[in-house]
Amino acid sequence: MNFNRTFGKKKKSLLAGLAVGLSISLVGCSGEDTNPKESTNSYDSEEQVTSSEKIEVAESANSIDEETKESEKEDKITENDQPIDVVKKYSSEEASTKTATFLEWTAPRAETGNMAVSDFFFNHGAAGKGDWYAITEDEEIQVQETILDENLPGYDAFDIHALGGVVFYTSLSGITGYDETPETQATAVGFHEIADPDFSMHKYLLGDNGVVYELIGTVEEIGSFSAGYDEYADDGLTKPGAEAAENFVFKVSEDKAAQEEWVRILTEQQQIN
């Protein structure tokens, strides 16, 4: 809405009213000799109306100013609350690029904390046709669409999709920072021969909604590459492992720095595009 235009129209209307009022006042003055008292009262009455109208104009202007300020304030809050386009569908190449950027950021942090980090956050052996997912405290997040365009249940069945992930752990061989060892490890073995069982592991899922979800557990609990995830059946409807998956709920990570970095990565890429 153009508030200046609206106020201008109101102002013209009020000026027209004032012109009529002044004409009435002049007619009253012409009869001043026959009834001066009435003429004076008429003028006083018109003067009060004019003052009242001026107050109304001032109040209207203040009201418009307040509405404008409130509207601008709401727009600013909305922009700050939605820093990224959560509707965007990322290609596999874009997802890989973003995960690599996040991994690069995590490596020195892991090294500082005497931990290792890998982007080998998920893998599995023989499986069916259904999509893989994880349970977050928000809702299910798609981890892998096993067969594209088969809708088992498919991309659109999930509101959140993992663009990638990383795993933090304490290496038995003393490696800190980025560790490529998990990629060479047999699927059946997982992290059991490379992660120290005396320390917790941290699996991060990087959601396309700008949120980092985290699952914390021992090597025994989440040390396999498929631990923490479940798969839909071939019909794309049922979830045979749902009960077991409910024991592994990815929480919104309390790692504030990681949350901010992930949003920055998504926002930066969208600005470039």
C-alpha atoms as a PDB file:
ATOM      1  CA  MET A   1       0.000   0.000   0.000  1.00  0.00           C
ATOM      2  CA  ASN A   2       1.189   3.575  -0.875  1.00  0.00           C
ATOM      3  CA  PHE A   3       0.645   5.341   2.420  1.00  0.00           C
ATOM      4  CA  ASN A   4       1.678   8.761   0.992  1.00  0.00           C
ATOM      5  CA  ARG A   5      -0.995   8.491  -1.701  1.00  0.00           C
ATOM      6  CA  THR A   6      -3.649   7.446   0.841  1.00  0.00           C
ATOM      7  CA  PHE A   7      -2.789  10.290   3.169  1.00  0.00           C
ATOM      8  CA  GLY A   8      -2.829  12.724   0.198  1.00  0.00           C
ATOM      9  CA  LYS A   9      -6.392  11.711  -0.668  1.00  0.00           C
ATOM     10  CA  LYS A  10      -7.501  12.182   2.946  1.00  0.00           C
ATOM     11  CA  LYS A  11      -5.832  15.575   3.042  1.00  0.00           C
ATOM     12  CA  LYS A  12      -7.652  16.759  -0.149  1.00  0.00           C
ATOM     13  CA  SER A  13     -10.974  15.630   1.308  1.00  0.00           C
ATOM     14  CA  LEU A  14     -10.333  17.493   4.517  1.00  0.00           C
ATOM     15  CA  LEU A  15      -9.314  20.674   2.649  1.00  0.00           C
ATOM     16  CA  ALA A  16     -12.577  20.546   0.673  1.00  0.00           C
ATOM     17  CA  GLY A  17     -14.447  20.252   3.972  1.00  0.00           C
ATOM     18  CA  LEU A  18     -12.574  23.236   5.329  1.00  0.00           C
ATOM     19  CA  ALA A  19     -13.496  25.319   2.261  1.00  0.00           C
ATOM     20  CA  VAL A  20     -17.188  24.593   2.795  1.00  0.00           C
ATOM     21  CA  GLY A  21     -16.816  25.487   6.464  1.00  0.00           C
ATOM     22  CA  LEU A  22     -15.222  28.834   5.623  1.00  0.00           C
ATOM     23  CA  SER A  23     -18.040  29.660   3.185  1.00  0.00           C
ATOM     24  CA  ILE A  24     -20.620  29.048   5.918  1.00  0.00           C
ATOM     25  CA  SER A  25     -18.603  31.238   8.278  1.00  0.00           C
ATOM     26  CA  LEU A  26     -18.576  34.133   5.777  1.00  0.00           C
ATOM     27  CA  VAL A  27     -22.344  33.921   5.289  1.00  0.00           C
ATOM     28  CA  GLY A  28     -22.760  34.131   9.059  1.00  0.00           C
ATOM     29  CA  CYS A  29     -20.566  37.238   9.176  1.00  0.00           C
ATOM     30  CA  SER A  30     -22.757  38.999   6.549  1.00  0.00           C
ATOM     31  CA  GLY A  31     -25.662  38.900   9.013  1.00  0.00           C
ATOM     32  CA  GLU A  32     -23.613  40.336  11.833  1.00  0.00           C
ATOM     33  CA  ASP A  33     -25.723  43.585  12.237  1.00  0.00           C
ATOM     34  CA  THR A  34     -29.044  41.764  12.660  1.00  0.00           C
ATOM     35  CA  ASN A  35     -27.803  38.964  14.940  1.00  0.00           C
ATOM     36  CA  PRO A  36     -24.166  39.462  15.888  1.00  0.00           C
ATOM     37  CA  LYS A  37     -24.394  37.061  18.797  1.00  0.00           C
ATOM     38  CA  GLU A  38     -25.526  34.190  16.612  1.00  0.00           C
ATOM     39  CA  SER A  39     -22.817  35.023  14.090  1.00  0.00           C
ATOM     40  CA  THR A  40     -20.152  34.880  16.755  1.00  0.00           C
ATOM     41  CA  ASN A  41     -21.427  31.508  18.002  1.00  0.00           C
ATOM     42  CA  SER A  42     -21.521  30.184  14.466  1.00  0.00           C
ATOM     43  CA  TYR A  43     -17.916  31.213  13.908  1.00  0.00           C
ATOM     44  CA  ASP A  44     -16.841  29.679  17.221  1.00  0.00           C
ATOM     45  CA  SER A  45     -18.595  26.440  16.294  1.00  0.00           C
ATOM     46  CA  GLU A  46     -16.863  26.305  12.910  1.00  0.00           C
ATOM     47  CA  GLU A  47     -13.545  27.079  14.559  1.00  0.00           C
ATOM     48  CA  GLN A  48     -14.022  24.115  16.914  1.00  0.00           C
ATOM     49  CA  VAL A  49     -14.876  21.824  14.005  1.00  0.00           C
ATOM     50  CA  THR A  50     -11.784  23.003  12.164  1.00  0.00           C
ATOM     51  CA  SER A  51      -9.616  22.320  15.199  1.00  0.00           C
ATOM     52  CA  SER A  52     -11.216  18.885  15.590  1.00  0.00           C
ATOM     53  CA  GLU A  53     -10.523  18.094  11.947  1.00  0.00           C
ATOM     54  CA  LYS A  54      -6.897  19.158  12.363  1.00  0.00           C
ATOM     55  CA  ILE A  55      -6.570  16.776  15.285  1.00  0.00           C
ATOM     56  CA  GLU A  56      -8.084  13.988  13.191  1.00  0.00           C
ATOM     57  CA  VAL A  57      -5.571  14.693  10.409  1.00  0.00           C
ATOM     58  CA  ALA A  58      -2.694  14.582  12.874  1.00  0.00           C
ATOM     59  CA  GLU A  59      -3.973  11.368  14.451  1.00  0.00           C
ATOM     60  CA  SER A  60      -4.448   9.812  11.001  1.00  0.00           C
ATOM     61  CA  ALA A  61      -0.884  10.724  10.028  1.00  0.00           C
ATOM     62  CA  ASN A  62       0.474   9.244  13.260  1.00  0.00           C
ATOM     63  CA  SER A  63      -1.559   6.077  12.709  1.00  0.00           C
ATOM     64  CA  ILE A  64      -0.192   5.702   9.168  1.00  0.00           C
ATOM     65  CA  ASP A  65       3.363   6.248  10.417  1.00  0.00           C
ATOM     66  CA  GLU A  66       2.876   3.576  13.102  1.00  0.00           C
ATOM     67  CA  GLU A  67       1.455   1.114  10.546  1.00  0.00           C
ATOM     68  CA  THR A  68       4.388   1.759   8.239  1.00  0.00           C
ATOM     69  CA  LYS A  69       6.924   1.212  11.014  1.00  0.00           C
ATOM     70  CA  GLU A  70       5.154  -1.959  12.177  1.00  0.00           C
ATOM     71  CA  SER A  71       5.041  -3.319   8.610  1.00  0.00           C
ATOM     72  CA  GLU A  72       8.756  -2.628   8.116  1.00  0.00           C
ATOM     73  CA  LYS A  73       9.506  -4.284  11.459  1.00  0.00           C
ATOM     74  CA  GLU A  74       7.535  -7.414  10.503  1.00  0.00           C
ATOM     75  CA  ASP A  75       9.285  -7.617   7.118  1.00  0.00           C
ATOM     76  CA  LYS A  76      12.673  -7.383   8.838  1.00  0.00           C
ATOM     77  CA  ILE A  77      11.806 -10.157  11.308  1.00  0.00           C
ATOM     78  CA  THR A  78      10.553 -12.384   8.506  1.00  0.00           C
ATOM     79  CA  GLU A  79      13.764 -11.887   6.530  1.00  0.00           C
ATOM     80  CA  ASN A  80      15.930 -12.712   9.562  1.00  0.00           C
ATOM     81  CA  ASP A  81      13.886 -15.793  10.446  1.00  0.00           C
ATOM     82  CA  GLN A  82      14.186 -17.200   6.920  1.00  0.00           C
ATOM     83  CA  PRO A  83      17.837 -16.829   5.887  1.00  0.00           C
ATOM     84  CA  ILE A  84      17.720 -19.703   3.386  1.00  0.00           C
ATOM     85  CA  ASP A  85      15.369 -21.044   0.784  1.00  0.00           C
ATOM     86  CA  VAL A  86      14.201 -24.272   2.408  1.00  0.00           C
ATOM     87  CA  VAL A  87      12.112 -25.155  -0.664  1.00  0.00           C
ATOM     88  CA  LYS A  88      15.071 -25.480  -3.012  1.00  0.00           C
ATOM     89  CA  LYS A  89      15.814 -28.965  -4.295  1.00  0.00           C
ATOM     90  CA  TYR A  90      19.559 -29.577  -4.442  1.00  0.00           C
ATOM     91  CA  SER A  91      21.254 -31.695  -7.055  1.00  0.00           C
ATOM     92  CA  SER A  92      23.630 -34.443  -5.936  1.00  0.00           C
ATOM     93  CA  GLU A  93      26.532 -32.299  -7.130  1.00  0.00           C
ATOM     94  CA  GLU A  94      25.381 -29.318  -5.062  1.00  0.00           C
ATOM     95  CA  ALA A  95      24.871 -31.532  -2.025  1.00  0.00           C
ATOM     96  CA  SER A  96      28.386 -32.969  -2.358  1.00  0.00           C
ATOM     97  CA  THR A  97      29.900 -29.502  -2.697  1.00  0.00           C
ATOM     98  CA  LYS A  98      28.164 -28.242   0.428  1.00  0.00           C
ATOM     99  CA  THR A  99      29.126 -31.295   2.447  1.00  0.00           C
ATOM    100  CA  ALA A 100      32.754 -30.944   1.321  1.00  0.00           C
ATOM    101  CA  THR A 101      32.739 -27.290   2.397  1.00  0.00           C
ATOM    102  CA  PHE A 102      31.358 -28.229   5.801  1.00  0.00           C
ATOM    103  CA  LEU A 103      33.886 -31.070   6.157  1.00  0.00           C
ATOM    104  CA  GLU A 104      36.710 -28.664   5.395  1.00  0.00           C
ATOM    105  CA  TRP A 105      35.460 -26.434   8.201  1.00  0.00           C
ATOM    106  CA  THR A 106      35.192 -29.329  10.685  1.00  0.00           C
ATOM    107  CA  ALA A 107      38.684 -30.780  10.113  1.00  0.00           C
ATOM    108  CA  PRO A 108      40.678 -28.177  12.097  1.00  0.00           C
ATOM    109  CA  ARG A 109      38.042 -28.180  14.851  1.00  0.00           C
ATOM    110  CA  ALA A 110      38.327 -31.963  15.176  1.00  0.00           C
ATOM    111  CA  GLU A 111      42.094 -31.683  15.278  1.00  0.00           C
ATOM    112  CA  THR A 112      41.904 -29.116  18.063  1.00  0.00           C
ATOM    113  CA  GLY A 113      39.694 -31.481  20.042  1.00  0.00           C
ATOM    114  CA  ASN A 114      42.010 -34.472  19.405  1.00  0.00           C
ATOM    115  CA  MET A 115      39.297 -36.154  17.358  1.00  0.00           C
ATOM    116  CA  ALA A 116      39.009 -37.499  13.838  1.00  0.00           C
ATOM    117  CA  VAL A 117      36.245 -36.619  11.404  1.00  0.00           C
ATOM    118  CA  SER A 118      34.997 -38.336   8.277  1.00  0.00           C
ATOM    119  CA  ASP A 119      32.254 -37.669   5.750  1.00  0.00           C
ATOM    120  CA  PHE A 120      31.627 -41.433   5.520  1.00  0.00           C
ATOM    121  CA  PHE A 121      28.522 -40.973   7.671  1.00  0.00           C
ATOM    122  CA  PHE A 122      26.338 -43.615   6.010  1.00  0.00           C
ATOM    123  CA  ASN A 123      26.672 -46.865   4.109  1.00  0.00           C
ATOM    124  CA  HIS A 124      24.964 -50.242   3.982  1.00  0.00           C
ATOM    125  CA  GLY A 125      25.306 -53.692   2.537  1.00  0.00           C
ATOM    126  CA  ALA A 126      22.597 -55.615   0.694  1.00  0.00           C
ATOM    127  CA  ALA A 127      19.273 -53.837   0.978  1.00  0.00           C
ATOM    128  CA  GLY A 128      15.863 -53.508  -0.596  1.00  0.00           C
ATOM    129  CA  LYS A 129      14.424 -50.866  -2.904  1.00  0.00           C
ATOM    130  CA  GLY A 130      12.971 -48.530  -0.303  1.00  0.00           C
ATOM    131  CA  ASP A 131      14.449 -45.171   0.688  1.00  0.00           C
ATOM    132  CA  TRP A 132      16.652 -44.821   3.752  1.00  0.00           C
ATOM    133  CA  TYR A 133      15.706 -42.343   6.430  1.00  0.00           C
ATOM    134  CA  ALA A 134      16.505 -41.298   9.993  1.00  0.00           C
ATOM    135  CA  ILE A 135      14.261 -40.059  12.782  1.00  0.00           C
ATOM    136  CA  THR A 136      14.926 -36.556  14.035  1.00  0.00           C
ATOM    137  CA  GLU A 137      13.196 -34.744  16.872  1.00  0.00           C
ATOM    138  CA  ASP A 138      11.434 -32.716  14.153  1.00  0.00           C
ATOM    139  CA  GLU A 139      10.364 -35.484  11.774  1.00  0.00           C
ATOM    140  CA  GLU A 140      11.808 -38.091   9.404  1.00  0.00           C
ATOM    141  CA  ILE A 141      14.710 -37.012   7.227  1.00  0.00           C
ATOM    142  CA  GLN A 142      15.498 -38.719   3.936  1.00  0.00           C
ATOM    143  CA  VAL A 143      19.069 -40.025   3.907  1.00  0.00           C
ATOM    144  CA  GLN A 144      19.114 -41.882   0.596  1.00  0.00           C
ATOM    145  CA  GLU A 145      16.650 -42.239  -2.270  1.00  0.00           C
ATOM    146  CA  THR A 146      17.585 -45.770  -3.273  1.00  0.00           C
ATOM    147  CA  ILE A 147      15.897 -45.862  -6.689  1.00  0.00           C
ATOM    148  CA  LEU A 148      15.236 -42.469  -8.244  1.00  0.00           C
ATOM    149  CA  ASP A 149      11.741 -41.751  -9.569  1.00  0.00           C
ATOM    150  CA  GLU A 150      10.316 -44.930  -8.060  1.00  0.00           C
ATOM    151  CA  ASN A 151       8.703 -43.075  -5.123  1.00  0.00           C
ATOM    152  CA  LEU A 152       9.514 -45.624  -2.437  1.00  0.00           C
ATOM    153  CA  PRO A 153       8.324 -43.373  -0.867  1.00  0.00           C
ATOM    154  CA  GLY A 154      10.329 -40.759  -2.812  1.00  0.00           C
ATOM    155  CA  TYR A 155      11.711 -37.266  -2.374  1.00  0.00           C
ATOM    156  CA  ASP A 156       8.341 -35.550  -1.953  1.00  0.00           C
ATOM    157  CA  ALA A 157       7.358 -37.852   0.904  1.00  0.00           C
ATOM    158  CA  PHE A 158       9.893 -36.084   3.148  1.00  0.00           C
ATOM    159  CA  ASP A 159       9.953 -32.469   4.254  1.00  0.00           C
ATOM    160  CA  ILE A 160      13.629 -32.715   5.257  1.00  0.00           C
ATOM    161  CA  HIS A 161      16.455 -34.257   3.235  1.00  0.00           C
ATOM    162  CA  ALA A 162      20.052 -34.882   4.310  1.00  0.00           C
ATOM    163  CA  LEU A 163      22.455 -33.251   1.871  1.00  0.00           C
ATOM    164  CA  GLY A 164      25.304 -35.060   3.594  1.00  0.00           C
ATOM    165  CA  GLY A 165      26.852 -35.681   6.970  1.00  0.00           C
ATOM    166  CA  VAL A 166      30.023 -36.139   9.000  1.00  0.00           C
ATOM    167  CA  VAL A 167      31.119 -38.356  11.875  1.00  0.00           C
ATOM    168  CA  PHE A 168      33.350 -37.317  14.788  1.00  0.00           C
ATOM    169  CA  TYR A 169      35.179 -39.977  16.802  1.00  0.00           C
ATOM    170  CA  THR A 170      38.409 -40.624  18.644  1.00  0.00           C
ATOM    171  CA  SER A 171      40.784 -42.596  16.447  1.00  0.00           C
ATOM    172  CA  LEU A 172      42.511 -45.692  17.838  1.00  0.00           C
ATOM    173  CA  SER A 173      45.538 -44.873  15.689  1.00  0.00           C
ATOM    174  CA  GLY A 174      45.784 -41.315  16.985  1.00  0.00           C
ATOM    175  CA  ILE A 175      44.640 -39.604  13.782  1.00  0.00           C
ATOM    176  CA  THR A 176      43.204 -36.118  14.327  1.00  0.00           C
ATOM    177  CA  GLY A 177      41.425 -33.946  11.808  1.00  0.00           C
ATOM    178  CA  TYR A 178      40.188 -35.466   8.562  1.00  0.00           C
ATOM    179  CA  ASP A 179      40.452 -39.253   8.430  1.00  0.00           C
ATOM    180  CA  GLU A 180      39.984 -41.151   5.168  1.00  0.00           C
ATOM    181  CA  THR A 181      40.254 -44.570   6.852  1.00  0.00           C
ATOM    182  CA  PRO A 182      36.474 -45.216   7.129  1.00  0.00           C
ATOM    183  CA  GLU A 183      36.148 -45.189   3.329  1.00  0.00           C
ATOM    184  CA  THR A 184      38.481 -48.191   3.101  1.00  0.00           C
ATOM    185  CA  GLN A 185      36.855 -50.093   5.913  1.00  0.00           C
ATOM    186  CA  ALA A 186      34.609 -53.084   5.193  1.00  0.00           C
ATOM    187  CA  THR A 187      30.919 -52.331   5.571  1.00  0.00           C
ATOM    188  CA  ALA A 188      30.476 -55.156   8.053  1.00  0.00           C
ATOM    189  CA  VAL A 189      33.249 -53.765  10.257  1.00  0.00           C
ATOM    190  CA  GLY A 190      32.227 -50.117  10.287  1.00  0.00           C
ATOM    191  CA  PHE A 191      34.037 -47.958  12.849  1.00  0.00           C
ATOM    192  CA  HIS A 192      34.685 -50.777  15.290  1.00  0.00           C
ATOM    193  CA  GLU A 193      38.357 -51.208  14.366  1.00  0.00           C
ATOM    194  CA  ILE A 194      39.203 -47.526  13.957  1.00  0.00           C
ATOM    195  CA  ALA A 195      37.263 -45.711  16.712  1.00  0.00           C
ATOM    196  CA  ASP A 196      38.195 -45.820  20.392  1.00  0.00           C
ATOM    197  CA  PRO A 197      35.303 -47.530  22.257  1.00  0.00           C
ATOM    198  CA  ASP A 198      36.013 -45.495  25.391  1.00  0.00           C
ATOM    199  CA  PHE A 199      34.794 -42.300  23.726  1.00  0.00           C
ATOM    200  CA  SER A 200      31.475 -41.324  22.196  1.00  0.00           C
ATOM    201  CA  MET A 201      30.873 -40.955  18.495  1.00  0.00           C
ATOM    202  CA  HIS A 202      28.931 -38.050  16.995  1.00  0.00           C
ATOM    203  CA  LYS A 203      27.015 -38.451  13.734  1.00  0.00           C
ATOM    204  CA  TYR A 204      25.903 -35.211  12.090  1.00  0.00           C
ATOM    205  CA  LEU A 205      23.202 -35.011   9.404  1.00  0.00           C
ATOM    206  CA  LEU A 206      23.161 -31.819   7.332  1.00  0.00           C
ATOM    207  CA  GLY A 207      19.516 -31.009   6.600  1.00  0.00           C
ATOM    208  CA  ASP A 208      18.387 -29.013   3.592  1.00  0.00           C
ATOM    209  CA  ASN A 209      16.267 -27.018   6.054  1.00  0.00           C
ATOM    210  CA  GLY A 210      19.464 -25.450   7.415  1.00  0.00           C
ATOM    211  CA  VAL A 211      19.571 -27.555  10.572  1.00  0.00           C
ATOM    212  CA  VAL A 212      22.366 -29.851  11.761  1.00  0.00           C
ATOM    213  CA  TYR A 213      21.025 -32.965  13.499  1.00  0.00           C
ATOM    214  CA  GLU A 214      23.240 -35.004  15.803  1.00  0.00           C
ATOM    215  CA  LEU A 215      23.231 -38.550  17.140  1.00  0.00           C
ATOM    216  CA  ILE A 216      25.578 -39.339  20.031  1.00  0.00           C
ATOM    217  CA  GLY A 217      26.418 -42.857  21.116  1.00  0.00           C
ATOM    218  CA  THR A 218      29.138 -45.371  21.862  1.00  0.00           C
ATOM    219  CA  VAL A 219      31.007 -47.249  19.166  1.00  0.00           C
ATOM    220  CA  GLU A 220      29.028 -50.337  20.094  1.00  0.00           C
ATOM    221  CA  GLU A 221      25.731 -48.463  19.679  1.00  0.00           C
ATOM    222  CA  ILE A 222      26.300 -46.477  16.485  1.00  0.00           C
ATOM    223  CA  GLY A 223      29.632 -47.783  15.211  1.00  0.00           C
ATOM    224  CA  SER A 224      28.234 -49.464  12.106  1.00  0.00           C
ATOM    225  CA  PHE A 225      27.814 -47.398   8.957  1.00  0.00           C
ATOM    226  CA  SER A 226      24.056 -48.027   8.898  1.00  0.00           C
ATOM    227  CA  ALA A 227      23.414 -47.500  12.619  1.00  0.00           C
ATOM    228  CA  GLY A 228      20.860 -44.802  13.327  1.00  0.00           C
ATOM    229  CA  TYR A 229      19.113 -45.242   9.983  1.00  0.00           C
ATOM    230  CA  ASP A 230      16.229 -47.357   8.720  1.00  0.00           C
ATOM    231  CA  GLU A 231      14.860 -48.361   5.326  1.00  0.00           C
ATOM    232  CA  TYR A 232      11.372 -48.379   3.883  1.00  0.00           C
ATOM    233  CA  ALA A 233      10.165 -51.711   2.531  1.00  0.00           C
ATOM    234  CA  ASP A 234       9.937 -52.336  -1.207  1.00  0.00           C
ATOM    235  CA  ASP A 235       6.349 -51.090  -1.209  1.00  0.00           C
ATOM    236  CA  GLY A 236       7.540 -47.655  -0.074  1.00  0.00           C
ATOM    237  CA  LEU A 237       4.921 -47.640   2.669  1.00  0.00           C
ATOM    238  CA  THR A 238       5.879 -49.917   5.528  1.00  0.00           C
ATOM    239  CA  LYS A 239       8.937 -49.650   7.762  1.00  0.00           C
ATOM    240  CA  PRO A 240       9.980 -53.059   9.163  1.00  0.00           C
ATOM    241  CA  GLY A 241      12.773 -51.561  11.261  1.00  0.00           C
ATOM    242  CA  ALA A 242      10.827 -48.597  12.602  1.00  0.00           C
ATOM    243  CA  GLU A 243      10.762 -49.843  16.188  1.00  0.00           C
ATOM    244  CA  ALA A 244      14.543 -50.235  16.296  1.00  0.00           C
ATOM    245  CA  ALA A 245      15.060 -46.875  14.574  1.00  0.00           C
ATOM    246  CA  GLU A 246      13.084 -45.135  17.297  1.00  0.00           C
ATOM    247  CA  ASN A 247      15.974 -45.869  19.657  1.00  0.00           C
ATOM    248  CA  PHE A 248      18.173 -43.571  17.553  1.00  0.00           C
ATOM    249  CA  VAL A 249      16.691 -40.100  17.387  1.00  0.00           C
ATOM    250  CA  PHE A 250      18.857 -37.376  15.869  1.00  0.00           C
ATOM    251  CA  LYS A 251      18.564 -34.251  17.998  1.00  0.00           C
ATOM    252  CA  VAL A 252      19.053 -30.679  16.850  1.00  0.00           C
ATOM    253  CA  SER A 253      22.762 -30.311  17.527  1.00  0.00           C
ATOM    254  CA  GLU A 254      23.794 -28.061  20.405  1.00  0.00           C
ATOM    255  CA  ASP A 255      26.943 -27.252  18.444  1.00  0.00           C
ATOM    256  CA  LYS A 256      26.044 -23.615  17.806  1.00  0.00           C
ATOM    257  CA  ALA A 257      29.128 -22.964  15.675  1.00  0.00           C
ATOM    258  CA  ALA A 258      28.236 -25.894  13.398  1.00  0.00           C
ATOM    259  CA  GLN A 259      24.655 -24.652  13.059  1.00  0.00           C
ATOM    260  CA  GLU A 260      25.822 -21.181  12.073  1.00  0.00           C
ATOM    261  CA  GLU A 261      28.385 -22.523   9.618  1.00  0.00           C
ATOM    262  CA  TRP A 262      25.868 -24.785   7.884  1.00  0.00           C
ATOM    263  CA  VAL A 263      23.409 -21.906   7.436  1.00  0.00           C
ATOM    264  CA  ARG A 264      26.258 -19.749   6.125  1.00  0.00           C
ATOM    265  CA  ILE A 265      27.212 -22.391   3.565  1.00  0.00           C
ATOM    266  CA  LEU A 266      23.652 -22.751   2.289  1.00  0.00           C
ATOM    267  CA  THR A 267      23.033 -19.001   2.244  1.00  0.00           C
ATOM    268  CA  GLU A 268      26.336 -18.232   0.517  1.00  0.00           C
ATOM    269  CA  GLN A 269      25.699 -20.751  -2.240  1.00  0.00           C
ATOM    270  CA  GLN A 270      22.198 -19.407  -2.870  1.00  0.00           C
ATOM    271  CA  GLN A 271      23.487 -15.845  -3.136  1.00  0.00           C
ATOM    272  CA  ILE A 272      26.039 -16.991  -5.702  1.00  0.00           C
ATOM    273  CA  ASN A 273      23.365 -18.822  -7.691  1.00  0.00           C
END
